[in-house]
């Protein structure tokens, strides 16, 4: 199959957040405000992101989103369709 969307439920339990921060070697004192906020009763919260480019690729019979993505970027972060970013001409404001 092909994943066309993804999401997660964020950590909203203070004990779990403490364990994760501890496992990462973080200084719990630096995150005391977060733990305190979560201890006040933070509700579960999450998000989802749909990969419309992947859905379009499926609908078009393409094996890669590179063939259908609206604004492709190269590995150097440049836009092959517009040549951006480009140097600014001397004297241009």
PDB file of N, CA and C in Angstrom:
ATOM      1  N   UNK A   1       0.805  -1.183   0.000  1.00  0.00           N
ATOM      2  CA  UNK A   1       0.000   0.000   0.000  1.00  0.00           C
ATOM      3  C   UNK A   1       0.852   1.253   0.000  1.00  0.00           C
ATOM      4  N   UNK A   2       0.180   2.354  -0.118  1.00  0.00           N
ATOM      5  CA  UNK A   2       0.816   3.661  -0.132  1.00  0.00           C
ATOM      6  C   UNK A   2       0.168   4.520   0.940  1.00  0.00           C
ATOM      7  N   UNK A   3       0.978   5.137   1.746  1.00  0.00           N
ATOM      8  CA  UNK A   3       0.464   6.027   2.781  1.00  0.00           C
ATOM      9  C   UNK A   3       0.106   7.369   2.168  1.00  0.00           C
ATOM     10  N   UNK A   4      -1.158   7.773   2.303  1.00  0.00           N
ATOM     11  CA  UNK A   4      -1.570   9.068   1.767  1.00  0.00           C
ATOM     12  C   UNK A   4      -1.889  10.065   2.871  1.00  0.00           C
ATOM     13  N   UNK A   5      -1.680   9.661   4.113  1.00  0.00           N
ATOM     14  CA  UNK A   5      -1.902  10.568   5.228  1.00  0.00           C
ATOM     15  C   UNK A   5      -1.254  10.014   6.473  1.00  0.00           C
ATOM     16  N   UNK A   6      -1.005  10.866   7.412  1.00  0.00           N
ATOM     17  CA  UNK A   6      -0.404  10.427   8.659  1.00  0.00           C
ATOM     18  C   UNK A   6      -0.712  11.413   9.762  1.00  0.00           C
ATOM     19  N   UNK A   7      -0.526  10.966  10.963  1.00  0.00           N
ATOM     20  CA  UNK A   7      -0.779  11.848  12.083  1.00  0.00           C
ATOM     21  C   UNK A   7      -0.348  11.193  13.378  1.00  0.00           C
ATOM     22  N   UNK A   8      -0.591  11.881  14.454  1.00  0.00           N
ATOM     23  CA  UNK A   8      -0.210  11.352  15.751  1.00  0.00           C
ATOM     24  C   UNK A   8      -0.986  12.052  16.846  1.00  0.00           C
ATOM     25  N   UNK A   9      -1.017  11.418  17.999  1.00  0.00           N
ATOM     26  CA  UNK A   9      -1.537  12.040  19.202  1.00  0.00           C
ATOM     27  C   UNK A   9      -0.321  12.441  20.024  1.00  0.00           C
ATOM     28  N   UNK A  10      -0.257  13.696  20.390  1.00  0.00           N
ATOM     29  CA  UNK A  10       0.894  14.206  21.135  1.00  0.00           C
ATOM     30  C   UNK A  10       0.882  13.686  22.565  1.00  0.00           C
ATOM     31  N   UNK A  11       2.034  13.677  23.181  1.00  0.00           N
ATOM     32  CA  UNK A  11       2.122  13.270  24.584  1.00  0.00           C
ATOM     33  C   UNK A  11       1.361  14.290  25.416  1.00  0.00           C
ATOM     34  N   UNK A  12       0.408  13.799  26.203  1.00  0.00           N
ATOM     35  CA  UNK A  12      -0.382  14.693  27.040  1.00  0.00           C
ATOM     36  C   UNK A  12      -0.432  14.220  28.497  1.00  0.00           C
ATOM     37  N   UNK A  13       0.377  13.225  28.810  1.00  0.00           N
ATOM     38  CA  UNK A  13       0.453  12.708  30.173  1.00  0.00           C
ATOM     39  C   UNK A  13       1.827  13.048  30.750  1.00  0.00           C
ATOM     40  N   UNK A  14       1.858  13.723  31.897  1.00  0.00           N
ATOM     41  CA  UNK A  14       3.138  14.195  32.443  1.00  0.00           C
ATOM     42  C   UNK A  14       4.126  13.076  32.758  1.00  0.00           C
ATOM     43  N   UNK A  15       3.654  11.924  33.224  1.00  0.00           N
ATOM     44  CA  UNK A  15       4.575  10.835  33.555  1.00  0.00           C
ATOM     45  C   UNK A  15       5.261  10.284  32.308  1.00  0.00           C
ATOM     46  N   UNK A  16       4.511  10.180  31.223  1.00  0.00           N
ATOM     47  CA  UNK A  16       5.105   9.692  29.968  1.00  0.00           C
ATOM     48  C   UNK A  16       6.086  10.720  29.423  1.00  0.00           C
ATOM     49  N   UNK A  17       5.726  12.002  29.483  1.00  0.00           N
ATOM     50  CA  UNK A  17       6.629  13.049  28.997  1.00  0.00           C
ATOM     51  C   UNK A  17       7.927  13.056  29.783  1.00  0.00           C
ATOM     52  N   UNK A  18       7.845  12.880  31.092  1.00  0.00           N
ATOM     53  CA  UNK A  18       9.058  12.822  31.918  1.00  0.00           C
ATOM     54  C   UNK A  18       9.945  11.654  31.505  1.00  0.00           C
ATOM     55  N   UNK A  19       9.343  10.495  31.259  1.00  0.00           N
ATOM     56  CA  UNK A  19      10.132   9.318  30.858  1.00  0.00           C
ATOM     57  C   UNK A  19      10.814   9.544  29.510  1.00  0.00           C
ATOM     58  N   UNK A  20      10.098  10.153  28.579  1.00  0.00           N
ATOM     59  CA  UNK A  20      10.686  10.417  27.257  1.00  0.00           C
ATOM     60  C   UNK A  20      11.847  11.397  27.379  1.00  0.00           C
ATOM     61  N   UNK A  21      11.631  12.489  28.111  1.00  0.00           N
ATOM     62  CA  UNK A  21      12.706  13.474  28.280  1.00  0.00           C
ATOM     63  C   UNK A  21      13.903  12.858  28.982  1.00  0.00           C
ATOM     64  N   UNK A  22      13.645  12.009  29.974  1.00  0.00           N
ATOM     65  CA  UNK A  22      14.726  11.332  30.691  1.00  0.00           C
ATOM     66  C   UNK A  22      15.500  10.408  29.754  1.00  0.00           C
ATOM     67  N   UNK A  23      14.771   9.666  28.909  1.00  0.00           N
ATOM     68  CA  UNK A  23      15.417   8.750  27.957  1.00  0.00           C
ATOM     69  C   UNK A  23      16.281   9.509  26.949  1.00  0.00           C
ATOM     70  N   UNK A  24      15.865  10.737  26.638  1.00  0.00           N
ATOM     71  CA  UNK A  24      16.631  11.565  25.705  1.00  0.00           C
ATOM     72  C   UNK A  24      17.803  12.269  26.380  1.00  0.00           C
ATOM     73  N   UNK A  25      17.880  12.155  27.715  1.00  0.00           N
ATOM     74  CA  UNK A  25      18.961  12.796  28.449  1.00  0.00           C
ATOM     75  C   UNK A  25      18.746  14.278  28.663  1.00  0.00           C
ATOM     76  N   UNK A  26      17.502  14.722  28.561  1.00  0.00           N
ATOM     77  CA  UNK A  26      17.198  16.144  28.734  1.00  0.00           C
ATOM     78  C   UNK A  26      17.193  16.510  30.213  1.00  0.00           C
ATOM     79  N   UNK A  27      17.511  17.749  30.487  1.00  0.00           N
ATOM     80  CA  UNK A  27      17.464  18.273  31.855  1.00  0.00           C
ATOM     81  C   UNK A  27      16.005  18.559  32.188  1.00  0.00           C
ATOM     82  N   UNK A  28      15.430  17.774  33.097  1.00  0.00           N
ATOM     83  CA  UNK A  28      14.015  17.914  33.428  1.00  0.00           C
ATOM     84  C   UNK A  28      13.689  19.280  34.013  1.00  0.00           C
ATOM     85  N   UNK A  29      14.661  19.942  34.623  1.00  0.00           N
ATOM     86  CA  UNK A  29      14.418  21.281  35.168  1.00  0.00           C
ATOM     87  C   UNK A  29      14.098  22.278  34.052  1.00  0.00           C
ATOM     88  N   UNK A  30      14.729  22.085  32.879  1.00  0.00           N
ATOM     89  CA  UNK A  30      14.472  22.979  31.750  1.00  0.00           C
ATOM     90  C   UNK A  30      13.061  22.811  31.201  1.00  0.00           C
ATOM     91  N   UNK A  31      12.441  21.671  31.482  1.00  0.00           N
ATOM     92  CA  UNK A  31      11.111  21.388  30.958  1.00  0.00           C
ATOM     93  C   UNK A  31      10.058  21.334  32.055  1.00  0.00           C
ATOM     94  N   UNK A  32      10.376  21.903  33.222  1.00  0.00           N
ATOM     95  CA  UNK A  32       9.437  21.842  34.339  1.00  0.00           C
ATOM     96  C   UNK A  32       8.123  22.544  34.007  1.00  0.00           C
ATOM     97  N   UNK A  33       8.186  23.621  33.200  1.00  0.00           N
ATOM     98  CA  UNK A  33       6.957  24.321  32.813  1.00  0.00           C
ATOM     99  C   UNK A  33       6.046  23.414  31.988  1.00  0.00           C
ATOM    100  N   UNK A  34       6.640  22.584  31.149  1.00  0.00           N
ATOM    101  CA  UNK A  34       5.857  21.651  30.335  1.00  0.00           C
ATOM    102  C   UNK A  34       5.202  20.590  31.212  1.00  0.00           C
ATOM    103  N   UNK A  35       5.979  20.009  32.106  1.00  0.00           N
ATOM    104  CA  UNK A  35       5.452  18.975  33.007  1.00  0.00           C
ATOM    105  C   UNK A  35       4.350  19.563  33.879  1.00  0.00           C
ATOM    106  N   UNK A  36       4.562  20.784  34.361  1.00  0.00           N
ATOM    107  CA  UNK A  36       3.557  21.435  35.201  1.00  0.00           C
ATOM    108  C   UNK A  36       2.266  21.671  34.405  1.00  0.00           C
ATOM    109  N   UNK A  37       2.400  22.120  33.173  1.00  0.00           N
ATOM    110  CA  UNK A  37       1.228  22.349  32.326  1.00  0.00           C
ATOM    111  C   UNK A  37       0.465  21.059  32.049  1.00  0.00           C
ATOM    112  N   UNK A  38       1.199  19.998  31.748  1.00  0.00           N
ATOM    113  CA  UNK A  38       0.553  18.714  31.491  1.00  0.00           C
ATOM    114  C   UNK A  38      -0.121  18.185  32.750  1.00  0.00           C
ATOM    115  N   UNK A  39       0.461  18.465  33.905  1.00  0.00           N
ATOM    116  CA  UNK A  39      -0.109  18.017  35.181  1.00  0.00           C
ATOM    117  C   UNK A  39      -1.415  18.734  35.504  1.00  0.00           C
ATOM    118  N   UNK A  40      -1.659  19.848  34.855  1.00  0.00           N
ATOM    119  CA  UNK A  40      -2.880  20.618  35.113  1.00  0.00           C
ATOM    120  C   UNK A  40      -4.093  20.035  34.397  1.00  0.00           C
ATOM    121  N   UNK A  41      -3.884  19.016  33.603  1.00  0.00           N
ATOM    122  CA  UNK A  41      -5.010  18.369  32.939  1.00  0.00           C
ATOM    123  C   UNK A  41      -5.121  18.671  31.463  1.00  0.00           C
ATOM    124  N   UNK A  42      -4.042  18.595  30.765  1.00  0.00           N
ATOM    125  CA  UNK A  42      -4.034  18.834  29.324  1.00  0.00           C
ATOM    126  C   UNK A  42      -4.829  17.736  28.613  1.00  0.00           C
ATOM    127  N   UNK A  43      -5.787  18.107  27.753  1.00  0.00           N
ATOM    128  CA  UNK A  43      -6.548  17.079  27.036  1.00  0.00           C
ATOM    129  C   UNK A  43      -5.709  16.456  25.924  1.00  0.00           C
ATOM    130  N   UNK A  44      -6.059  15.250  25.509  1.00  0.00           N
ATOM    131  CA  UNK A  44      -5.365  14.659  24.358  1.00  0.00           C
ATOM    132  C   UNK A  44      -5.526  15.563  23.137  1.00  0.00           C
ATOM    133  N   UNK A  45      -4.470  15.707  22.367  1.00  0.00           N
ATOM    134  CA  UNK A  45      -4.525  16.510  21.162  1.00  0.00           C
ATOM    135  C   UNK A  45      -3.651  15.874  20.095  1.00  0.00           C
ATOM    136  N   UNK A  46      -4.062  16.007  18.868  1.00  0.00           N
ATOM    137  CA  UNK A  46      -3.334  15.369  17.780  1.00  0.00           C
ATOM    138  C   UNK A  46      -3.514  16.132  16.486  1.00  0.00           C
ATOM    139  N   UNK A  47      -2.985  15.565  15.466  1.00  0.00           N
ATOM    140  CA  UNK A  47      -3.078  16.199  14.165  1.00  0.00           C
ATOM    141  C   UNK A  47      -2.969  15.179  13.055  1.00  0.00           C
ATOM    142  N   UNK A  48      -3.341  15.607  11.869  1.00  0.00           N
ATOM    143  CA  UNK A  48      -3.258  14.746  10.691  1.00  0.00           C
ATOM    144  C   UNK A  48      -2.800  15.595   9.512  1.00  0.00           C
ATOM    145  N   UNK A  49      -2.050  14.983   8.649  1.00  0.00           N
ATOM    146  CA  UNK A  49      -1.600  15.649   7.429  1.00  0.00           C
ATOM    147  C   UNK A  49      -1.898  14.730   6.259  1.00  0.00           C
ATOM    148  N   UNK A  50      -2.606  15.249   5.288  1.00  0.00           N
ATOM    149  CA  UNK A  50      -2.907  14.456   4.096  1.00  0.00           C
ATOM    150  C   UNK A  50      -1.858  14.722   3.030  1.00  0.00           C
ATOM    151  N   UNK A  51      -1.399  13.659   2.420  1.00  0.00           N
ATOM    152  CA  UNK A  51      -0.422  13.785   1.344  1.00  0.00           C
ATOM    153  C   UNK A  51      -1.128  13.841   0.006  1.00  0.00           C
ATOM    154  N   UNK A  52      -1.647  15.022  -0.334  1.00  0.00           N
ATOM    155  CA  UNK A  52      -2.386  15.147  -1.587  1.00  0.00           C
ATOM    156  C   UNK A  52      -1.518  14.831  -2.790  1.00  0.00           C
ATOM    157  N   UNK A  53      -0.222  15.142  -2.680  1.00  0.00           N
ATOM    158  CA  UNK A  53       0.681  14.816  -3.788  1.00  0.00           C
ATOM    159  C   UNK A  53       0.746  13.299  -4.001  1.00  0.00           C
ATOM    160  N   UNK A  54       0.719  12.530  -2.928  1.00  0.00           N
ATOM    161  CA  UNK A  54       0.731  11.072  -3.053  1.00  0.00           C
ATOM    162  C   UNK A  54      -0.584  10.564  -3.634  1.00  0.00           C
ATOM    163  N   UNK A  55      -1.694  11.171  -3.220  1.00  0.00           N
ATOM    164  CA  UNK A  55      -2.993  10.769  -3.747  1.00  0.00           C
ATOM    165  C   UNK A  55      -3.074  11.056  -5.242  1.00  0.00           C
ATOM    166  N   UNK A  56      -2.596  12.223  -5.655  1.00  0.00           N
ATOM    167  CA  UNK A  56      -2.593  12.572  -7.076  1.00  0.00           C
ATOM    168  C   UNK A  56      -1.705  11.607  -7.862  1.00  0.00           C
ATOM    169  N   UNK A  57      -0.560  11.250  -7.295  1.00  0.00           N
ATOM    170  CA  UNK A  57       0.322  10.292  -7.964  1.00  0.00           C
ATOM    171  C   UNK A  57      -0.394   8.955  -8.163  1.00  0.00           C
ATOM    172  N   UNK A  58      -1.118   8.507  -7.147  1.00  0.00           N
ATOM    173  CA  UNK A  58      -1.884   7.264  -7.281  1.00  0.00           C
ATOM    174  C   UNK A  58      -2.950   7.379  -8.366  1.00  0.00           C
ATOM    175  N   UNK A  59      -3.692   8.468  -8.344  1.00  0.00           N
ATOM    176  CA  UNK A  59      -4.757   8.663  -9.327  1.00  0.00           C
ATOM    177  C   UNK A  59      -4.222   8.753 -10.751  1.00  0.00           C
ATOM    178  N   UNK A  60      -3.012   9.272 -10.895  1.00  0.00           N
ATOM    179  CA  UNK A  60      -2.389   9.412 -12.221  1.00  0.00           C
ATOM    180  C   UNK A  60      -1.589   8.178 -12.633  1.00  0.00           C
ATOM    181  N   UNK A  61      -1.501   7.203 -11.749  1.00  0.00           N
ATOM    182  CA  UNK A  61      -0.750   5.991 -12.071  1.00  0.00           C
ATOM    183  C   UNK A  61       0.749   6.179 -12.021  1.00  0.00           C
ATOM    184  N   UNK A  62       1.219   7.203 -11.328  1.00  0.00           N
ATOM    185  CA  UNK A  62       2.651   7.473 -11.217  1.00  0.00           C
ATOM    186  C   UNK A  62       3.224   6.730 -10.010  1.00  0.00           C
ATOM    187  N   UNK A  63       4.465   6.297 -10.108  1.00  0.00           N
ATOM    188  CA  UNK A  63       5.101   5.576  -9.010  1.00  0.00           C
ATOM    189  C   UNK A  63       5.812   6.512  -8.045  1.00  0.00           C
ATOM    190  N   UNK A  64       5.943   7.788  -8.423  1.00  0.00           N
ATOM    191  CA  UNK A  64       6.652   8.749  -7.590  1.00  0.00           C
ATOM    192  C   UNK A  64       5.912  10.079  -7.578  1.00  0.00           C
ATOM    193  N   UNK A  65       5.940  10.748  -6.424  1.00  0.00           N
ATOM    194  CA  UNK A  65       5.304  12.065  -6.349  1.00  0.00           C
ATOM    195  C   UNK A  65       6.091  13.106  -7.137  1.00  0.00           C
ATOM    196  N   UNK A  66       7.319  12.799  -7.500  1.00  0.00           N
ATOM    197  CA  UNK A  66       8.143  13.762  -8.253  1.00  0.00           C
ATOM    198  C   UNK A  66       7.514  14.124  -9.595  1.00  0.00           C
ATOM    199  N   UNK A  67       6.692  13.224 -10.123  1.00  0.00           N
ATOM    200  CA  UNK A  67       6.072  13.472 -11.425  1.00  0.00           C
ATOM    201  C   UNK A  67       4.840  14.371 -11.322  1.00  0.00           C
ATOM    202  N   UNK A  68       4.303  14.545 -10.118  1.00  0.00           N
ATOM    203  CA  UNK A  68       3.056  15.307  -9.973  1.00  0.00           C
ATOM    204  C   UNK A  68       3.152  16.466  -8.979  1.00  0.00           C
ATOM    205  N   UNK A  69       4.246  16.588  -8.276  1.00  0.00           N
ATOM    206  CA  UNK A  69       4.341  17.617  -7.238  1.00  0.00           C
ATOM    207  C   UNK A  69       4.317  19.009  -7.874  1.00  0.00           C
ATOM    208  N   UNK A  70       3.556  19.903  -7.252  1.00  0.00           N
ATOM    209  CA  UNK A  70       3.322  21.222  -7.854  1.00  0.00           C
ATOM    210  C   UNK A  70       4.568  22.102  -7.886  1.00  0.00           C
ATOM    211  N   UNK A  71       5.327  22.106  -6.818  1.00  0.00           N
ATOM    212  CA  UNK A  71       6.492  22.989  -6.738  1.00  0.00           C
ATOM    213  C   UNK A  71       7.711  22.170  -6.335  1.00  0.00           C
ATOM    214  N   UNK A  72       8.295  21.430  -7.274  1.00  0.00           N
ATOM    215  CA  UNK A  72       9.413  20.550  -6.931  1.00  0.00           C
ATOM    216  C   UNK A  72      10.664  21.329  -6.540  1.00  0.00           C
ATOM    217  N   UNK A  73      11.411  20.764  -5.651  1.00  0.00           N
ATOM    218  CA  UNK A  73      12.694  21.325  -5.238  1.00  0.00           C
ATOM    219  C   UNK A  73      13.770  20.276  -5.456  1.00  0.00           C
ATOM    220  N   UNK A  74      14.962  20.734  -5.744  1.00  0.00           N
ATOM    221  CA  UNK A  74      16.081  19.816  -5.915  1.00  0.00           C
ATOM    222  C   UNK A  74      16.687  19.502  -4.548  1.00  0.00           C
ATOM    223  N   UNK A  75      17.677  18.620  -4.535  1.00  0.00           N
ATOM    224  CA  UNK A  75      18.359  18.306  -3.277  1.00  0.00           C
ATOM    225  C   UNK A  75      19.134  19.509  -2.744  1.00  0.00           C
ATOM    226  N   UNK A  76      19.362  20.499  -3.586  1.00  0.00           N
ATOM    227  CA  UNK A  76      20.063  21.719  -3.153  1.00  0.00           C
ATOM    228  C   UNK A  76      19.087  22.798  -2.692  1.00  0.00           C
ATOM    229  N   UNK A  77      17.771  22.487  -2.698  1.00  0.00           N
ATOM    230  CA  UNK A  77      16.777  23.456  -2.270  1.00  0.00           C
ATOM    231  C   UNK A  77      16.446  24.490  -3.328  1.00  0.00           C
ATOM    232  N   UNK A  78      16.792  24.212  -4.583  1.00  0.00           N
ATOM    233  CA  UNK A  78      16.483  25.144  -5.661  1.00  0.00           C
ATOM    234  C   UNK A  78      15.233  24.677  -6.402  1.00  0.00           C
ATOM    235  N   UNK A  79      14.592  25.614  -7.070  1.00  0.00           N
ATOM    236  CA  UNK A  79      13.394  25.324  -7.848  1.00  0.00           C
ATOM    237  C   UNK A  79      13.793  25.243  -9.316  1.00  0.00           C
ATOM    238  N   UNK A  80      13.764  24.054  -9.914  1.00  0.00           N
ATOM    239  CA  UNK A  80      14.208  23.908 -11.300  1.00  0.00           C
ATOM    240  C   UNK A  80      13.296  24.620 -12.306  1.00  0.00           C
ATOM    241  N   UNK A  81      12.055  24.921 -11.930  1.00  0.00           N
ATOM    242  CA  UNK A  81      11.134  25.559 -12.873  1.00  0.00           C
ATOM    243  C   UNK A  81      11.350  27.070 -12.954  1.00  0.00           C
ATOM    244  N   UNK A  82      11.769  27.674 -11.844  1.00  0.00           N
ATOM    245  CA  UNK A  82      11.944  29.130 -11.833  1.00  0.00           C
ATOM    246  C   UNK A  82      13.393  29.557 -11.682  1.00  0.00           C
ATOM    247  N   UNK A  83      14.254  28.607 -11.293  1.00  0.00           N
ATOM    248  CA  UNK A  83      15.646  28.939 -11.071  1.00  0.00           C
ATOM    249  C   UNK A  83      15.896  29.605  -9.721  1.00  0.00           C
ATOM    250  N   UNK A  84      14.890  29.646  -8.873  1.00  0.00           N
ATOM    251  CA  UNK A  84      15.027  30.270  -7.547  1.00  0.00           C
ATOM    252  C   UNK A  84      15.795  29.350  -6.611  1.00  0.00           C
ATOM    253  N   UNK A  85      16.535  29.855  -5.676  1.00  0.00           N
ATOM    254  CA  UNK A  85      16.834  31.280  -5.520  1.00  0.00           C
ATOM    255  C   UNK A  85      17.893  31.724  -6.509  1.00  0.00           C
ATOM    256  N   UNK A  86      17.827  32.969  -6.896  1.00  0.00           N
ATOM    257  CA  UNK A  86      18.780  33.533  -7.850  1.00  0.00           C
ATOM    258  C   UNK A  86      19.500  34.715  -7.201  1.00  0.00           C
ATOM    259  N   UNK A  87      20.708  34.996  -7.655  1.00  0.00           N
ATOM    260  CA  UNK A  87      21.417  36.153  -7.095  1.00  0.00           C
ATOM    261  C   UNK A  87      20.687  37.458  -7.440  1.00  0.00           C
ATOM    262  N   UNK A  88      20.808  38.423  -6.558  1.00  0.00           N
ATOM    263  CA  UNK A  88      20.202  39.738  -6.783  1.00  0.00           C
ATOM    264  C   UNK A  88      21.182  40.584  -7.572  1.00  0.00           C
ATOM    265  N   UNK A  89      20.671  41.234  -8.592  1.00  0.00           N
ATOM    266  CA  UNK A  89      21.516  42.083  -9.434  1.00  0.00           C
ATOM    267  C   UNK A  89      22.034  43.276  -8.634  1.00  0.00           C
ATOM    268  N   UNK A  90      23.269  43.689  -8.881  1.00  0.00           N
ATOM    269  CA  UNK A  90      23.797  44.862  -8.172  1.00  0.00           C
ATOM    270  C   UNK A  90      22.904  46.078  -8.403  1.00  0.00           C
ATOM    271  N   UNK A  91      22.635  46.814  -7.323  1.00  0.00           N
ATOM    272  CA  UNK A  91      21.811  48.028  -7.425  1.00  0.00           C
ATOM    273  C   UNK A  91      20.324  47.768  -7.344  1.00  0.00           C
ATOM    274  N   UNK A  92      19.891  46.500  -7.324  1.00  0.00           N
ATOM    275  CA  UNK A  92      18.462  46.209  -7.231  1.00  0.00           C
ATOM    276  C   UNK A  92      17.998  46.420  -5.806  1.00  0.00           C
ATOM    277  N   UNK A  93      16.862  47.012  -5.633  1.00  0.00           N
ATOM    278  CA  UNK A  93      16.327  47.247  -4.291  1.00  0.00           C
ATOM    279  C   UNK A  93      15.133  46.364  -4.101  1.00  0.00           C
TER     280      UNK A  93
END
